[in-house]
Every structure is written in C-alpha cells, then in structure tokens.
N, C-alpha and C. Protein backbone atom coordinates (compact mmCIF):
# COMPACT_ATOMS: atom_id res chain seq x y z
N MET A 1 35.52 -3.34 53.87
CA MET A 1 35.66 -3.41 55.31
C MET A 1 35.95 -4.86 55.68
N SER A 2 36.92 -5.08 56.54
CA SER A 2 37.28 -6.45 56.94
C SER A 2 37.56 -6.49 58.43
N GLU A 3 37.36 -7.63 59.02
CA GLU A 3 37.62 -7.83 60.45
C GLU A 3 38.54 -9.02 60.62
N PRO A 4 39.51 -8.96 61.60
CA PRO A 4 40.41 -10.10 61.81
C PRO A 4 39.66 -11.25 62.48
N THR A 5 40.01 -12.46 62.13
CA THR A 5 39.40 -13.66 62.72
C THR A 5 40.37 -14.28 63.72
N ASP A 6 39.94 -15.42 64.35
CA ASP A 6 40.78 -16.07 65.35
C ASP A 6 42.10 -16.57 64.77
N ASN A 7 42.10 -17.02 63.54
CA ASN A 7 43.34 -17.54 62.95
C ASN A 7 44.20 -16.44 62.36
N GLY A 8 43.79 -15.17 62.51
CA GLY A 8 44.62 -14.05 62.06
C GLY A 8 44.34 -13.58 60.66
N LYS A 9 43.51 -14.28 59.86
CA LYS A 9 43.22 -13.85 58.49
C LYS A 9 42.11 -12.83 58.50
N ALA A 10 42.13 -11.93 57.51
CA ALA A 10 41.09 -10.90 57.40
C ALA A 10 39.89 -11.48 56.68
N GLU A 11 38.69 -11.19 57.17
CA GLU A 11 37.45 -11.67 56.56
C GLU A 11 36.72 -10.48 55.96
N LYS A 12 36.26 -10.60 54.69
CA LYS A 12 35.56 -9.51 54.02
C LYS A 12 34.12 -9.47 54.46
N VAL A 13 33.68 -8.28 54.78
CA VAL A 13 32.28 -8.08 55.13
C VAL A 13 31.65 -7.26 54.02
N HIS A 14 30.63 -7.82 53.31
CA HIS A 14 29.98 -7.14 52.20
C HIS A 14 28.78 -6.35 52.71
N ASN A 15 28.68 -5.12 52.27
CA ASN A 15 27.58 -4.26 52.68
C ASN A 15 26.61 -4.13 51.51
N LEU A 16 25.42 -4.70 51.63
CA LEU A 16 24.42 -4.69 50.55
C LEU A 16 23.93 -3.29 50.25
N THR A 17 23.78 -2.48 51.26
CA THR A 17 23.29 -1.10 51.06
C THR A 17 24.25 -0.32 50.17
N ASP A 18 25.55 -0.46 50.42
CA ASP A 18 26.54 0.24 49.59
C ASP A 18 26.51 -0.27 48.15
N ALA A 19 26.33 -1.59 48.00
CA ALA A 19 26.29 -2.17 46.65
C ALA A 19 25.07 -1.65 45.88
N ILE A 20 23.91 -1.60 46.55
CA ILE A 20 22.69 -1.08 45.89
C ILE A 20 22.88 0.37 45.49
N ARG A 21 23.51 1.14 46.37
CA ARG A 21 23.76 2.55 46.07
C ARG A 21 24.66 2.69 44.85
N ARG A 22 25.72 1.86 44.79
CA ARG A 22 26.64 1.92 43.65
C ARG A 22 25.93 1.56 42.35
N VAL A 23 25.11 0.49 42.38
CA VAL A 23 24.39 0.06 41.17
C VAL A 23 23.41 1.13 40.71
N ARG A 24 22.68 1.71 41.67
CA ARG A 24 21.72 2.76 41.30
C ARG A 24 22.41 3.97 40.70
N THR A 25 23.54 4.34 41.27
CA THR A 25 24.30 5.48 40.74
C THR A 25 24.76 5.20 39.32
N ALA A 26 25.27 3.98 39.08
CA ALA A 26 25.73 3.62 37.74
C ALA A 26 24.57 3.62 36.74
N GLU A 27 23.42 3.09 37.18
CA GLU A 27 22.24 3.08 36.29
C GLU A 27 21.78 4.49 35.98
N ALA A 28 21.78 5.35 36.97
CA ALA A 28 21.36 6.74 36.76
C ALA A 28 22.29 7.43 35.77
N GLU A 29 23.60 7.17 35.91
CA GLU A 29 24.55 7.78 34.98
C GLU A 29 24.33 7.26 33.56
N ARG A 30 24.09 5.92 33.45
CA ARG A 30 23.83 5.36 32.12
C ARG A 30 22.56 5.93 31.53
N SER A 31 21.49 6.03 32.34
CA SER A 31 20.22 6.55 31.82
C SER A 31 20.36 8.01 31.44
N ASP A 32 21.18 8.77 32.21
CA ASP A 32 21.43 10.17 31.84
C ASP A 32 22.10 10.25 30.47
N VAL A 33 23.05 9.36 30.24
CA VAL A 33 23.74 9.34 28.94
C VAL A 33 22.75 8.98 27.84
N VAL A 34 21.89 7.96 28.11
CA VAL A 34 20.90 7.54 27.11
C VAL A 34 19.93 8.68 26.80
N VAL A 35 19.46 9.35 27.85
CA VAL A 35 18.52 10.47 27.66
C VAL A 35 19.19 11.58 26.87
N GLU A 36 20.45 11.88 27.22
CA GLU A 36 21.16 12.93 26.50
C GLU A 36 21.33 12.55 25.03
N MET A 37 21.67 11.28 24.75
CA MET A 37 21.83 10.85 23.36
C MET A 37 20.50 10.93 22.62
N ARG A 38 19.41 10.47 23.27
CA ARG A 38 18.10 10.51 22.64
C ARG A 38 17.68 11.95 22.36
N ASP A 39 17.95 12.82 23.34
CA ASP A 39 17.60 14.24 23.15
C ASP A 39 18.42 14.86 22.02
N ALA A 40 19.70 14.46 21.93
CA ALA A 40 20.54 14.98 20.85
C ALA A 40 20.03 14.50 19.49
N GLU A 41 19.66 13.21 19.40
CA GLU A 41 19.12 12.67 18.14
C GLU A 41 17.81 13.38 17.78
N ARG A 42 16.94 13.54 18.76
CA ARG A 42 15.66 14.20 18.51
C ARG A 42 15.89 15.64 18.05
N ALA A 43 16.86 16.33 18.66
CA ALA A 43 17.14 17.71 18.27
C ALA A 43 17.59 17.78 16.82
N ARG A 44 18.41 16.83 16.39
CA ARG A 44 18.86 16.83 14.99
C ARG A 44 17.70 16.53 14.04
N LEU A 45 16.83 15.60 14.44
CA LEU A 45 15.66 15.29 13.61
C LEU A 45 14.70 16.48 13.55
N GLU A 46 14.60 17.22 14.65
CA GLU A 46 13.75 18.42 14.64
C GLU A 46 14.33 19.49 13.71
N LEU A 47 15.66 19.58 13.65
CA LEU A 47 16.28 20.51 12.70
C LEU A 47 15.94 20.12 11.27
N LEU A 48 15.98 18.80 10.98
CA LEU A 48 15.63 18.34 9.64
C LEU A 48 14.16 18.60 9.35
N ALA A 49 13.29 18.34 10.33
CA ALA A 49 11.86 18.60 10.14
C ALA A 49 11.60 20.09 9.89
N ASP A 50 12.35 20.95 10.58
CA ASP A 50 12.22 22.38 10.37
C ASP A 50 12.66 22.76 8.95
N GLU A 51 13.71 22.08 8.47
CA GLU A 51 14.19 22.31 7.10
C GLU A 51 13.14 21.90 6.07
N LEU A 52 12.34 20.89 6.41
CA LEU A 52 11.33 20.35 5.49
C LEU A 52 9.93 20.92 5.73
N LYS A 53 9.81 21.92 6.61
CA LYS A 53 8.50 22.43 7.00
C LYS A 53 7.69 22.90 5.79
N GLU A 54 8.31 23.61 4.88
CA GLU A 54 7.58 24.12 3.70
C GLU A 54 7.16 22.99 2.77
N VAL A 55 8.01 21.96 2.67
CA VAL A 55 7.66 20.79 1.84
C VAL A 55 6.43 20.11 2.42
N PHE A 56 6.43 19.91 3.74
CA PHE A 56 5.29 19.27 4.39
C PHE A 56 4.02 20.09 4.19
N ALA A 57 4.15 21.42 4.22
CA ALA A 57 2.98 22.29 4.08
C ALA A 57 2.43 22.27 2.66
N ASP A 58 3.29 22.01 1.67
CA ASP A 58 2.86 22.02 0.26
C ASP A 58 2.18 20.74 -0.18
N VAL A 59 2.23 19.69 0.62
CA VAL A 59 1.59 18.43 0.23
C VAL A 59 0.08 18.64 0.19
N PRO A 60 -0.59 18.17 -0.88
CA PRO A 60 -2.05 18.36 -0.97
C PRO A 60 -2.77 17.81 0.26
N ALA A 61 -3.79 18.54 0.67
CA ALA A 61 -4.50 18.18 1.91
C ALA A 61 -5.21 16.83 1.78
N ASP A 62 -5.61 16.44 0.55
CA ASP A 62 -6.34 15.18 0.38
C ASP A 62 -5.42 13.97 0.34
N ASN A 63 -4.11 14.20 0.36
CA ASN A 63 -3.14 13.10 0.35
C ASN A 63 -2.80 12.73 1.79
N GLU A 64 -3.35 11.61 2.26
CA GLU A 64 -3.17 11.21 3.64
C GLU A 64 -2.10 10.14 3.81
N SER A 65 -1.27 9.92 2.80
CA SER A 65 -0.28 8.85 2.89
C SER A 65 0.99 9.29 3.62
N PHE A 66 1.14 10.59 3.91
CA PHE A 66 2.34 11.07 4.60
C PHE A 66 2.05 11.30 6.08
N LEU A 67 3.09 11.08 6.92
CA LEU A 67 2.94 11.23 8.37
C LEU A 67 3.60 12.51 8.88
N PHE A 68 4.87 12.73 8.50
CA PHE A 68 5.64 13.90 8.91
C PHE A 68 5.59 14.10 10.42
N THR A 69 6.02 13.10 11.17
CA THR A 69 6.02 13.21 12.63
C THR A 69 7.26 12.53 13.21
N ILE A 70 7.73 13.06 14.32
CA ILE A 70 8.87 12.46 15.01
C ILE A 70 8.32 11.54 16.09
N ALA A 71 8.66 10.27 16.01
CA ALA A 71 8.17 9.27 16.97
C ALA A 71 9.17 9.12 18.09
N GLU A 72 8.64 9.04 19.30
CA GLU A 72 9.49 8.81 20.46
C GLU A 72 10.01 7.38 20.43
N GLY A 73 11.00 7.12 21.22
CA GLY A 73 11.56 5.78 21.30
C GLY A 73 13.04 5.79 21.06
N LEU A 74 13.62 4.62 21.09
CA LEU A 74 15.04 4.49 20.83
C LEU A 74 15.25 3.67 19.57
N PRO A 75 15.77 4.18 18.53
CA PRO A 75 16.09 5.59 18.35
C PRO A 75 14.85 6.38 17.91
N PRO A 76 14.83 7.70 18.15
CA PRO A 76 13.72 8.50 17.61
C PRO A 76 13.79 8.52 16.09
N ARG A 77 12.61 8.63 15.46
CA ARG A 77 12.56 8.60 13.99
C ARG A 77 11.64 9.69 13.48
N LEU A 78 12.04 10.28 12.37
CA LEU A 78 11.18 11.22 11.66
C LEU A 78 10.49 10.42 10.55
N TRP A 79 9.21 10.11 10.75
CA TRP A 79 8.47 9.31 9.78
C TRP A 79 7.99 10.20 8.64
N ILE A 80 8.28 9.77 7.42
CA ILE A 80 7.83 10.49 6.24
C ILE A 80 6.49 9.92 5.78
N ASP A 81 6.42 8.60 5.67
CA ASP A 81 5.16 7.91 5.40
C ASP A 81 5.17 6.61 6.19
N MET A 82 4.29 5.68 5.84
CA MET A 82 4.17 4.45 6.63
C MET A 82 5.39 3.54 6.52
N THR A 83 6.21 3.71 5.49
CA THR A 83 7.34 2.80 5.28
C THR A 83 8.70 3.50 5.25
N ALA A 84 8.72 4.81 5.21
CA ALA A 84 10.00 5.54 5.09
C ALA A 84 10.19 6.47 6.27
N PHE A 85 11.41 6.52 6.79
CA PHE A 85 11.71 7.36 7.94
C PHE A 85 13.18 7.76 7.92
N VAL A 86 13.49 8.81 8.67
CA VAL A 86 14.87 9.25 8.86
C VAL A 86 15.24 9.00 10.32
N ALA A 87 16.38 8.37 10.52
CA ALA A 87 16.90 8.13 11.87
C ALA A 87 18.38 8.53 11.87
N MET A 88 18.94 8.65 13.06
CA MET A 88 20.34 9.00 13.16
C MET A 88 21.18 7.73 13.19
N GLY A 89 22.39 7.83 12.62
CA GLY A 89 23.31 6.70 12.60
C GLY A 89 23.91 6.46 13.98
N ARG A 90 24.79 5.48 14.06
CA ARG A 90 25.40 5.12 15.35
C ARG A 90 26.25 6.24 15.93
N ASP A 91 26.81 7.06 15.05
CA ASP A 91 27.63 8.17 15.54
C ASP A 91 26.79 9.36 16.00
N ARG A 92 25.44 9.26 15.87
CA ARG A 92 24.49 10.29 16.30
C ARG A 92 24.61 11.57 15.49
N ARG A 93 25.37 11.56 14.41
CA ARG A 93 25.52 12.75 13.58
C ARG A 93 25.14 12.51 12.12
N THR A 94 25.05 11.24 11.74
CA THR A 94 24.74 10.88 10.36
C THR A 94 23.24 10.66 10.21
N TYR A 95 22.65 11.35 9.24
CA TYR A 95 21.25 11.12 8.92
C TYR A 95 21.14 9.89 8.03
N ARG A 96 20.20 9.01 8.36
CA ARG A 96 19.97 7.81 7.54
C ARG A 96 18.51 7.78 7.12
N PHE A 97 18.28 7.85 5.79
CA PHE A 97 16.92 7.79 5.24
C PHE A 97 16.67 6.34 4.83
N LEU A 98 15.73 5.69 5.52
CA LEU A 98 15.49 4.26 5.34
C LEU A 98 14.06 4.01 4.87
N LYS A 99 13.89 2.92 4.13
CA LYS A 99 12.55 2.53 3.66
C LYS A 99 12.39 1.03 3.81
N ASP A 100 11.26 0.63 4.41
CA ASP A 100 10.94 -0.79 4.54
C ASP A 100 10.22 -1.25 3.29
N THR A 101 10.74 -2.33 2.68
CA THR A 101 10.14 -2.89 1.48
C THR A 101 9.87 -4.38 1.71
N ARG A 102 9.25 -5.02 0.73
CA ARG A 102 9.02 -6.46 0.83
C ARG A 102 10.32 -7.24 0.87
N LEU A 103 11.37 -6.66 0.33
CA LEU A 103 12.68 -7.34 0.29
C LEU A 103 13.54 -6.98 1.49
N GLY A 104 13.02 -6.17 2.41
CA GLY A 104 13.80 -5.78 3.58
C GLY A 104 13.97 -4.27 3.64
N ARG A 105 14.77 -3.83 4.59
CA ARG A 105 14.99 -2.40 4.78
C ARG A 105 16.07 -1.91 3.83
N THR A 106 15.79 -0.80 3.15
CA THR A 106 16.70 -0.21 2.17
C THR A 106 17.17 1.15 2.65
N VAL A 107 18.46 1.42 2.50
CA VAL A 107 19.00 2.74 2.82
C VAL A 107 18.92 3.59 1.56
N ILE A 108 18.10 4.64 1.61
CA ILE A 108 17.98 5.54 0.45
C ILE A 108 19.15 6.51 0.41
N LEU A 109 19.49 7.08 1.58
CA LEU A 109 20.62 8.02 1.66
C LEU A 109 21.17 8.03 3.07
N GLU A 110 22.49 8.15 3.16
CA GLU A 110 23.17 8.28 4.45
C GLU A 110 24.16 9.42 4.31
N THR A 111 23.97 10.49 5.10
CA THR A 111 24.81 11.66 4.94
C THR A 111 24.85 12.47 6.24
N HIS A 112 25.92 13.26 6.39
CA HIS A 112 26.04 14.21 7.50
C HIS A 112 25.36 15.53 7.15
N ASP A 113 25.14 15.77 5.85
CA ASP A 113 24.66 17.06 5.36
C ASP A 113 23.13 17.13 5.48
N ILE A 114 22.64 18.04 6.29
CA ILE A 114 21.20 18.17 6.49
C ILE A 114 20.49 18.66 5.22
N VAL A 115 21.17 19.49 4.45
CA VAL A 115 20.57 20.02 3.21
C VAL A 115 20.42 18.90 2.19
N ALA A 116 21.44 18.04 2.06
CA ALA A 116 21.34 16.91 1.13
C ALA A 116 20.23 15.96 1.55
N MET A 117 20.09 15.75 2.84
CA MET A 117 19.01 14.88 3.32
C MET A 117 17.65 15.50 3.05
N ALA A 118 17.52 16.80 3.27
CA ALA A 118 16.25 17.49 3.01
C ALA A 118 15.90 17.41 1.52
N ASP A 119 16.90 17.56 0.65
CA ASP A 119 16.65 17.44 -0.80
C ASP A 119 16.19 16.03 -1.16
N CYS A 120 16.82 15.02 -0.56
CA CYS A 120 16.46 13.64 -0.84
C CYS A 120 15.03 13.35 -0.38
N VAL A 121 14.67 13.80 0.81
CA VAL A 121 13.30 13.59 1.30
C VAL A 121 12.30 14.32 0.42
N THR A 122 12.65 15.53 -0.01
CA THR A 122 11.75 16.30 -0.89
C THR A 122 11.51 15.56 -2.20
N ASN A 123 12.56 15.03 -2.80
CA ASN A 123 12.41 14.26 -4.04
C ASN A 123 11.56 13.02 -3.82
N TYR A 124 11.76 12.37 -2.67
CA TYR A 124 10.96 11.17 -2.35
C TYR A 124 9.48 11.53 -2.25
N VAL A 125 9.17 12.62 -1.56
CA VAL A 125 7.78 13.05 -1.41
C VAL A 125 7.18 13.37 -2.78
N ALA A 126 7.95 14.06 -3.63
CA ALA A 126 7.46 14.39 -4.98
C ALA A 126 7.19 13.12 -5.78
N GLU A 127 8.09 12.14 -5.71
CA GLU A 127 7.88 10.88 -6.44
C GLU A 127 6.62 10.17 -5.95
N ARG A 128 6.41 10.15 -4.64
CA ARG A 128 5.22 9.49 -4.10
C ARG A 128 3.93 10.19 -4.55
N ILE A 129 3.95 11.52 -4.59
CA ILE A 129 2.76 12.26 -5.03
C ILE A 129 2.46 11.94 -6.49
N ILE A 130 3.51 11.89 -7.34
CA ILE A 130 3.31 11.58 -8.76
C ILE A 130 2.81 10.15 -8.92
N GLU A 131 3.37 9.20 -8.14
CA GLU A 131 2.89 7.81 -8.21
C GLU A 131 1.41 7.72 -7.85
N ARG A 132 1.01 8.47 -6.84
CA ARG A 132 -0.40 8.45 -6.42
C ARG A 132 -1.30 9.01 -7.52
N GLU A 133 -0.86 10.13 -8.13
CA GLU A 133 -1.66 10.71 -9.22
C GLU A 133 -1.79 9.74 -10.38
N ARG A 134 -0.69 9.05 -10.72
CA ARG A 134 -0.76 8.07 -11.82
C ARG A 134 -1.68 6.92 -11.48
N ALA A 135 -1.65 6.47 -10.23
CA ALA A 135 -2.53 5.38 -9.82
C ALA A 135 -3.98 5.79 -9.91
N ILE A 136 -4.28 7.02 -9.46
CA ILE A 136 -5.67 7.51 -9.54
C ILE A 136 -6.10 7.65 -10.99
N GLU A 137 -5.21 8.20 -11.83
CA GLU A 137 -5.54 8.35 -13.25
C GLU A 137 -5.71 6.99 -13.92
N GLY A 138 -4.86 6.03 -13.54
CA GLY A 138 -4.99 4.68 -14.09
C GLY A 138 -6.32 4.05 -13.74
N ASP A 139 -6.75 4.22 -12.48
CA ASP A 139 -8.06 3.71 -12.07
C ASP A 139 -9.17 4.36 -12.89
N TRP A 140 -9.06 5.67 -13.11
CA TRP A 140 -10.08 6.39 -13.88
C TRP A 140 -10.12 5.87 -15.32
N LEU A 141 -8.93 5.65 -15.92
CA LEU A 141 -8.88 5.16 -17.29
C LEU A 141 -9.48 3.76 -17.41
N VAL A 142 -9.18 2.90 -16.44
CA VAL A 142 -9.73 1.53 -16.47
C VAL A 142 -11.25 1.58 -16.40
N LYS A 143 -11.78 2.42 -15.51
CA LYS A 143 -13.23 2.53 -15.41
C LYS A 143 -13.84 3.07 -16.70
N ARG A 144 -13.18 4.03 -17.32
CA ARG A 144 -13.70 4.60 -18.57
C ARG A 144 -13.69 3.56 -19.69
N VAL A 145 -12.59 2.80 -19.80
CA VAL A 145 -12.51 1.77 -20.84
C VAL A 145 -13.59 0.72 -20.61
N MET A 146 -13.83 0.34 -19.37
CA MET A 146 -14.85 -0.66 -19.08
C MET A 146 -16.25 -0.13 -19.42
N ARG A 147 -16.46 1.17 -19.15
CA ARG A 147 -17.75 1.77 -19.50
C ARG A 147 -17.97 1.77 -21.00
N GLU A 148 -16.90 2.10 -21.76
CA GLU A 148 -17.03 2.16 -23.21
C GLU A 148 -17.14 0.77 -23.82
N ALA A 149 -16.48 -0.22 -23.21
CA ALA A 149 -16.53 -1.58 -23.75
C ALA A 149 -17.86 -2.26 -23.46
N ALA A 150 -18.50 -1.89 -22.38
CA ALA A 150 -19.78 -2.52 -22.02
C ALA A 150 -20.87 -2.04 -22.97
N PRO A 151 -21.81 -2.93 -23.34
CA PRO A 151 -22.91 -2.50 -24.20
C PRO A 151 -23.76 -1.46 -23.49
N PRO A 152 -24.24 -0.49 -24.26
CA PRO A 152 -25.04 0.56 -23.62
C PRO A 152 -26.33 -0.01 -23.04
N LYS A 153 -26.72 0.53 -21.92
CA LYS A 153 -27.96 0.08 -21.29
C LYS A 153 -29.15 0.63 -22.09
N LYS A 154 -30.11 -0.25 -22.35
CA LYS A 154 -31.28 0.15 -23.13
C LYS A 154 -32.44 0.45 -22.20
N SER A 155 -33.26 1.41 -22.63
CA SER A 155 -34.46 1.73 -21.87
C SER A 155 -35.53 0.69 -22.18
N ALA A 156 -36.60 0.70 -21.39
CA ALA A 156 -37.71 -0.24 -21.61
C ALA A 156 -38.32 -0.04 -22.99
N ARG A 157 -38.45 1.21 -23.42
CA ARG A 157 -39.03 1.51 -24.74
C ARG A 157 -38.17 0.91 -25.86
N GLN A 158 -36.81 1.03 -25.70
CA GLN A 158 -35.92 0.48 -26.72
C GLN A 158 -36.02 -1.05 -26.75
N ILE A 159 -36.15 -1.68 -25.58
CA ILE A 159 -36.26 -3.14 -25.54
C ILE A 159 -37.54 -3.60 -26.23
N ILE A 160 -38.67 -2.90 -25.97
CA ILE A 160 -39.95 -3.26 -26.61
C ILE A 160 -39.88 -3.06 -28.12
N ALA A 161 -39.26 -1.94 -28.53
CA ALA A 161 -39.13 -1.67 -29.97
C ALA A 161 -38.29 -2.74 -30.64
N ALA A 162 -37.22 -3.16 -29.99
CA ALA A 162 -36.36 -4.20 -30.57
C ALA A 162 -37.10 -5.52 -30.66
N ALA A 163 -37.92 -5.82 -29.65
CA ALA A 163 -38.68 -7.07 -29.67
C ALA A 163 -39.71 -7.07 -30.78
N THR A 164 -40.37 -5.94 -30.99
CA THR A 164 -41.40 -5.89 -32.04
C THR A 164 -40.79 -5.93 -33.42
N THR A 165 -39.59 -5.41 -33.58
CA THR A 165 -38.97 -5.47 -34.91
C THR A 165 -38.48 -6.88 -35.22
N THR A 166 -38.17 -7.67 -34.20
CA THR A 166 -37.68 -9.03 -34.49
C THR A 166 -38.82 -10.03 -34.62
N LEU A 167 -40.03 -9.67 -34.15
CA LEU A 167 -41.13 -10.63 -34.24
C LEU A 167 -41.48 -11.02 -35.67
N PRO A 168 -41.61 -10.05 -36.62
CA PRO A 168 -41.93 -10.48 -38.00
C PRO A 168 -40.89 -11.42 -38.56
N GLY A 169 -39.67 -11.23 -38.25
CA GLY A 169 -38.64 -12.15 -38.72
C GLY A 169 -38.88 -13.55 -38.21
N LYS A 170 -39.31 -13.67 -36.99
CA LYS A 170 -39.61 -14.99 -36.44
C LYS A 170 -40.84 -15.60 -37.13
N ARG A 171 -41.82 -14.72 -37.44
CA ARG A 171 -42.99 -15.22 -38.17
C ARG A 171 -42.57 -15.73 -39.55
N ASN A 172 -41.73 -15.00 -40.24
CA ASN A 172 -41.26 -15.43 -41.55
C ASN A 172 -40.54 -16.76 -41.45
N LEU A 173 -39.76 -16.92 -40.41
CA LEU A 173 -39.05 -18.18 -40.21
C LEU A 173 -40.04 -19.32 -40.00
N GLY A 174 -41.13 -19.03 -39.28
CA GLY A 174 -42.17 -20.04 -39.07
C GLY A 174 -42.84 -20.45 -40.39
N TRP A 175 -43.10 -19.49 -41.24
CA TRP A 175 -43.70 -19.79 -42.55
C TRP A 175 -42.76 -20.62 -43.39
N VAL A 176 -41.48 -20.34 -43.31
CA VAL A 176 -40.52 -21.10 -44.10
C VAL A 176 -40.50 -22.55 -43.63
N VAL A 177 -40.50 -22.75 -42.33
CA VAL A 177 -40.49 -24.11 -41.79
C VAL A 177 -41.78 -24.84 -42.17
N ALA A 178 -42.94 -24.13 -42.07
CA ALA A 178 -44.22 -24.75 -42.41
C ALA A 178 -44.25 -25.13 -43.89
N ALA A 179 -43.74 -24.25 -44.73
CA ALA A 179 -43.72 -24.54 -46.18
C ALA A 179 -42.81 -25.72 -46.47
N PHE A 180 -41.69 -25.79 -45.79
CA PHE A 180 -40.77 -26.90 -46.00
C PHE A 180 -41.42 -28.22 -45.60
N LEU A 181 -42.05 -28.22 -44.39
CA LEU A 181 -42.73 -29.44 -43.95
C LEU A 181 -43.90 -29.79 -44.88
N GLY A 182 -44.64 -28.77 -45.33
CA GLY A 182 -45.74 -29.02 -46.29
C GLY A 182 -45.22 -29.61 -47.59
N GLY A 183 -44.10 -29.15 -48.05
CA GLY A 183 -43.50 -29.68 -49.28
C GLY A 183 -43.11 -31.14 -49.12
N ILE A 184 -42.55 -31.46 -47.96
CA ILE A 184 -42.18 -32.85 -47.69
C ILE A 184 -43.43 -33.72 -47.68
N LEU A 185 -44.50 -33.23 -47.05
CA LEU A 185 -45.74 -33.99 -46.97
C LEU A 185 -46.35 -34.19 -48.36
N ILE A 186 -46.36 -33.15 -49.17
CA ILE A 186 -46.90 -33.27 -50.54
C ILE A 186 -46.05 -34.24 -51.35
N GLY A 187 -44.73 -34.15 -51.19
CA GLY A 187 -43.84 -35.07 -51.91
C GLY A 187 -44.07 -36.51 -51.49
N LEU A 188 -44.30 -36.73 -50.23
CA LEU A 188 -44.54 -38.07 -49.72
C LEU A 188 -45.86 -38.63 -50.25
N VAL A 189 -46.89 -37.77 -50.27
CA VAL A 189 -48.19 -38.19 -50.81
C VAL A 189 -48.06 -38.52 -52.29
N ALA A 190 -47.35 -37.70 -53.04
CA ALA A 190 -47.17 -37.93 -54.48
C ALA A 190 -46.40 -39.22 -54.71
N LEU A 191 -45.42 -39.49 -53.88
CA LEU A 191 -44.63 -40.71 -54.01
C LEU A 191 -45.50 -41.94 -53.74
N LEU A 192 -46.33 -41.86 -52.72
CA LEU A 192 -47.24 -42.97 -52.40
C LEU A 192 -48.26 -43.20 -53.56
N ALA A 193 -48.73 -42.10 -54.07
CA ALA A 193 -49.72 -42.21 -55.18
C ALA A 193 -49.06 -42.83 -56.40
N TRP A 194 -47.85 -42.46 -56.66
CA TRP A 194 -47.14 -43.03 -57.84
C TRP A 194 -46.89 -44.51 -57.63
N ALA A 195 -46.52 -44.86 -56.38
CA ALA A 195 -46.27 -46.27 -56.08
C ALA A 195 -47.57 -47.05 -56.17
N TRP A 196 -48.68 -46.50 -55.73
CA TRP A 196 -49.99 -47.17 -55.79
C TRP A 196 -50.37 -47.44 -57.23
N VAL A 197 -50.18 -46.42 -58.05
CA VAL A 197 -50.53 -46.58 -59.46
C VAL A 197 -49.62 -47.60 -60.11
N ARG A 198 -48.41 -47.60 -59.81
CA ARG A 198 -47.44 -48.47 -60.43
C ARG A 198 -47.68 -49.93 -60.01
N VAL A 199 -47.96 -50.12 -58.74
CA VAL A 199 -48.16 -51.48 -58.24
C VAL A 199 -49.56 -51.97 -58.67
N GLY A 200 -50.53 -51.13 -58.57
CA GLY A 200 -51.91 -51.53 -58.84
C GLY A 200 -52.19 -51.61 -60.26
C-alpha cells in the first residue's frame, strides 16, 4: 500500500499486522512439514519395531542391557541398547543402524530394505547376548581359579593340631643349639686348661 506525497513520489506504508500474519503462516506451514516428516519417520521405525517384535520378546528377562524403544525427538530413533539405535536417513526412507563407540559413531548398516535391517538388528542382539554370557562365564572362571589357588581355610582344630606337631621340632632345635653352645664351652675350658698346663 502506498500514498502519494507532496513531491509526487509514492511512499510505502508497511503494515506490521500483515507481516506478523505472513510470518506465522509460514512458520505453521514449516512446522506442519516438520511434524509430517517426523510422523513419517516414526511410522517407518514402528514398522521396523513390529518386524522385530518376536526378537525383542525372546531376549532373556534377566538381560537388562536392551531398550527396544522409540524415542521422541528430531530425528526419532529406535534404541536397541544404550549405544546402538536405528534412525532414518536424510531421504526419510533409508534405515540407518548406528552405534556410538569410543572412536565415534559407526554405521553398522544403511539400507532401504526393512527385512535386511531387521536381520542386522537381530544378529546384533544375538552377538550382544553371547558377549554377555561369555563375560559372566569369564567372571565365574576367574573366581573359581582364585578359589582354587588360595590356600584352603583351616579350622581352629586344624590350626591347634598343626601347632602341636611343630612344637617338638622346635624343642629339638633348642637341644641342638644348647648342645652346640655346650660343646663350644667345653672346648674353651679344655683349651684354657691345656694352656694353663703348658704355661705353668
């Protein structure tokens, strides 16, 4: 909208209300697109979770390392465990199986095929279960080896019996030392007596 001025030139009149309306409309359209994209990604992840439902159900109940949940947010993610998740690629159609490691984020598999992704996640879950079993068995073996390597604990009766059996040996050792010292003393006396006789 413009109005003519005294010098004949048109002057622009800006309407703030119209501008706010335009910005709000554009934001609403963008947010609708974002919501639609998020909903589409979540729907695809739910399809994958449905494909893996039996795998999730077969995991032993005492194994609490798996999450198997779809987290809200941008982008939505299907968490398998604390470090591995499936998210959708930029095209919103590609499944990406990612794992966070000490060296950074690793792509395990990227595919359009939901069955291939389900197979890959199933193999990952199986590997993690086997790793956990090996770790538990390793801990058990270490404890067993330490138990076998440690000297057996003795009862009070065994300790007393062992002490009484070693006492005579100590007495014998005392007699040996006394006899040795007595021999030295007798030898010294004999030497002095011989010297006395010889000098005198």
